[in-house]
Amino acid sequence: MPQSPSAVAPYSRIVLGIDPGTAITGYGVVGETVQGEFELLACGVIRTQANEEMHLRLLEIFHDMRALIAEFRPSEMAIEKLFFGRNVTTAITVGQARGTVLLAGAESGLAIAEYTPAEVKQPITVYGSADKQHIQEMLQRVLNLP
């Protein structure tokens, strides 16, 4: 589970961002201050064991998502849209994880926005085909990270 700040009150809004997957679900929690600045509150991954049955893996993702939502009390969730590639089996399992995350967000009454990878990259890097290294560098600047 994440290392969290002691208070989430000084933020005008808190957004929980999700990159869904059955083996690894990535998350980031960002707070926007009343001055319009963004601060990283937490980031990490939810890992499930490949040798577990799928329903147990999904249950673990669901419980961890509920815990994140309870801890940080976001008002919004941003989640990556499912990209349907050549591997149908992977797309189905990622879709199951995605559905589990969406359920946790809906259950908590969060406003949910879905974005393609290019839509996420565009405002951060100015172009939608940036590589992971460029995205990391730009996020470090925006969030004032070392």
Protein backbone atom coordinates (compact mmCIF):
# COMPACT_ATOMS: atom_id res chain seq x y z
CA MET A 1 0.00 0.00 0.00
CA PRO A 2 1.08 3.59 -0.56
CA GLN A 3 2.97 5.92 1.66
CA SER A 4 0.51 8.75 2.16
CA PRO A 5 0.68 12.27 3.50
CA SER A 6 -0.96 12.83 6.86
CA ALA A 7 -3.67 15.04 5.41
CA VAL A 8 -5.41 15.32 2.08
CA ALA A 9 -7.43 18.40 3.08
CA PRO A 10 -5.31 21.18 1.47
CA TYR A 11 -6.22 20.05 -2.05
CA SER A 12 -9.05 21.43 -4.14
CA ARG A 13 -9.29 18.06 -5.87
CA ILE A 14 -7.59 14.69 -5.83
CA VAL A 15 -7.36 12.44 -8.86
CA LEU A 16 -6.57 8.73 -8.84
CA GLY A 17 -4.93 7.66 -12.11
CA ILE A 18 -4.92 4.00 -13.08
CA ASP A 19 -3.02 1.90 -15.63
CA PRO A 20 -4.91 -1.41 -15.33
CA GLY A 21 -3.49 -4.90 -15.62
CA THR A 22 -4.04 -8.29 -14.02
CA ALA A 23 -0.40 -8.87 -13.04
CA ILE A 24 0.40 -5.22 -12.32
CA THR A 25 -2.03 -2.35 -11.94
CA GLY A 26 -0.22 0.96 -11.71
CA TYR A 27 -1.64 3.95 -9.87
CA GLY A 28 -0.82 7.54 -9.11
CA VAL A 29 -2.62 9.93 -6.79
CA VAL A 30 -2.27 13.62 -7.60
CA GLY A 31 -3.62 16.54 -5.61
CA GLU A 32 -4.33 19.96 -7.07
CA THR A 33 -3.76 22.84 -4.67
CA VAL A 34 -6.02 25.87 -4.52
CA GLN A 35 -3.19 27.73 -6.30
CA GLY A 36 -3.50 25.32 -9.25
CA GLU A 37 -0.25 23.45 -8.58
CA PHE A 38 -0.07 19.67 -8.72
CA GLU A 39 1.53 17.44 -6.11
CA LEU A 40 2.15 13.71 -6.22
CA LEU A 41 0.53 12.19 -3.13
CA ALA A 42 1.32 8.55 -3.87
CA CYS A 43 2.21 6.17 -6.64
CA GLY A 44 2.79 2.49 -6.86
CA VAL A 45 1.55 -0.81 -8.15
CA ILE A 46 -0.89 -3.49 -7.15
CA ARG A 47 0.68 -6.86 -7.92
CA THR A 48 -1.12 -10.16 -8.14
CA GLN A 49 0.38 -13.63 -8.34
CA ALA A 50 0.25 -15.32 -11.75
CA ASN A 51 -0.38 -18.71 -10.14
CA GLU A 52 -3.59 -17.52 -8.42
CA GLU A 53 -6.99 -18.09 -9.98
CA MET A 54 -8.26 -15.09 -11.93
CA HIS A 55 -11.22 -14.37 -9.65
CA LEU A 56 -8.86 -14.14 -6.67
CA ARG A 57 -6.53 -11.80 -8.55
CA LEU A 58 -9.46 -9.55 -9.46
CA LEU A 59 -10.67 -9.61 -5.86
CA GLU A 60 -7.22 -8.49 -4.69
CA ILE A 61 -7.25 -5.60 -7.19
CA PHE A 62 -10.75 -4.63 -6.05
CA HIS A 63 -9.82 -4.63 -2.35
CA ASP A 64 -6.63 -2.64 -2.96
CA MET A 65 -8.52 -0.11 -5.09
CA ARG A 66 -11.12 0.34 -2.36
CA ALA A 67 -8.31 0.87 0.17
CA LEU A 68 -6.67 3.53 -2.04
CA ILE A 69 -9.99 5.31 -2.49
CA ALA A 70 -10.71 5.21 1.25
CA GLU A 71 -7.25 6.51 2.12
CA PHE A 72 -6.99 9.39 -0.36
CA ARG A 73 -10.68 10.21 -0.93
CA PRO A 74 -10.29 11.23 -4.57
CA SER A 75 -13.19 12.88 -6.35
CA GLU A 76 -12.07 11.65 -9.75
CA MET A 77 -10.54 8.61 -11.38
CA ALA A 78 -8.67 8.61 -14.68
CA ILE A 79 -8.17 5.22 -16.30
CA GLU A 80 -6.47 4.08 -19.47
CA LYS A 81 -8.81 2.94 -22.22
CA LEU A 82 -8.38 -0.61 -23.37
CA PHE A 83 -6.18 -0.88 -26.44
CA PHE A 84 -7.18 -3.94 -28.42
CA GLY A 85 -3.98 -5.35 -29.87
CA ARG A 86 -3.16 -8.62 -31.54
CA ASN A 87 -3.19 -10.68 -28.36
CA VAL A 88 -6.88 -11.28 -27.64
CA THR A 89 -6.19 -13.20 -24.42
CA THR A 90 -4.20 -10.29 -22.98
CA ALA A 91 -6.91 -7.83 -24.00
CA ILE A 92 -9.55 -9.92 -22.24
CA THR A 93 -7.61 -10.23 -18.98
CA VAL A 94 -6.71 -6.53 -18.97
CA GLY A 95 -10.38 -5.82 -19.64
CA GLN A 96 -11.30 -7.84 -16.57
CA ALA A 97 -8.86 -5.85 -14.42
CA ARG A 98 -10.15 -2.63 -15.94
CA GLY A 99 -13.74 -3.60 -15.14
CA THR A 100 -12.75 -4.38 -11.56
CA VAL A 101 -11.13 -0.95 -11.18
CA LEU A 102 -14.14 0.78 -12.77
CA LEU A 103 -16.45 -1.05 -10.37
CA ALA A 104 -14.45 0.16 -7.35
CA GLY A 105 -14.57 3.73 -8.66
CA ALA A 106 -18.27 3.61 -9.47
CA GLU A 107 -19.08 2.06 -6.08
CA SER A 108 -17.33 5.02 -4.44
CA GLY A 109 -19.17 7.58 -6.55
CA LEU A 110 -16.06 8.87 -8.32
CA ALA A 111 -16.28 10.82 -11.55
CA ILE A 112 -14.54 8.54 -14.04
CA ALA A 113 -12.74 9.66 -17.19
CA GLU A 114 -11.22 7.24 -19.69
CA TYR A 115 -8.22 8.19 -21.82
CA THR A 116 -6.14 6.62 -24.56
CA PRO A 117 -2.37 6.56 -23.97
CA ALA A 118 -1.96 9.33 -26.57
CA GLU A 119 -4.55 11.51 -24.79
CA VAL A 120 -2.57 11.18 -21.56
CA LYS A 121 0.78 11.94 -23.19
CA GLN A 122 -0.40 14.96 -25.23
CA PRO A 123 -0.86 17.54 -22.44
CA ILE A 124 2.26 16.37 -20.59
CA THR A 125 4.73 16.12 -23.47
CA VAL A 126 3.05 18.17 -26.24
CA TYR A 127 2.92 15.16 -28.54
CA GLY A 128 1.08 11.88 -28.13
CA SER A 129 3.83 9.49 -29.18
CA ALA A 130 6.37 10.28 -26.46
CA ASP A 131 8.39 7.44 -24.98
CA LYS A 132 8.30 6.52 -21.29
CA GLN A 133 11.57 8.33 -20.54
CA HIS A 134 10.25 11.63 -21.93
CA ILE A 135 7.01 11.25 -19.99
CA GLN A 136 8.94 10.61 -16.76
CA GLU A 137 11.06 13.72 -17.27
CA MET A 138 8.04 15.92 -17.95
CA LEU A 139 6.10 14.56 -14.97
CA GLN A 140 9.11 15.22 -12.73
CA ARG A 141 8.99 18.86 -13.83
CA VAL A 142 5.22 19.26 -13.49
CA LEU A 143 5.13 17.59 -10.07
CA ASN A 144 8.42 19.12 -8.81
CA LEU A 145 9.98 15.70 -8.21
CA PRO A 146 13.73 15.09 -7.84
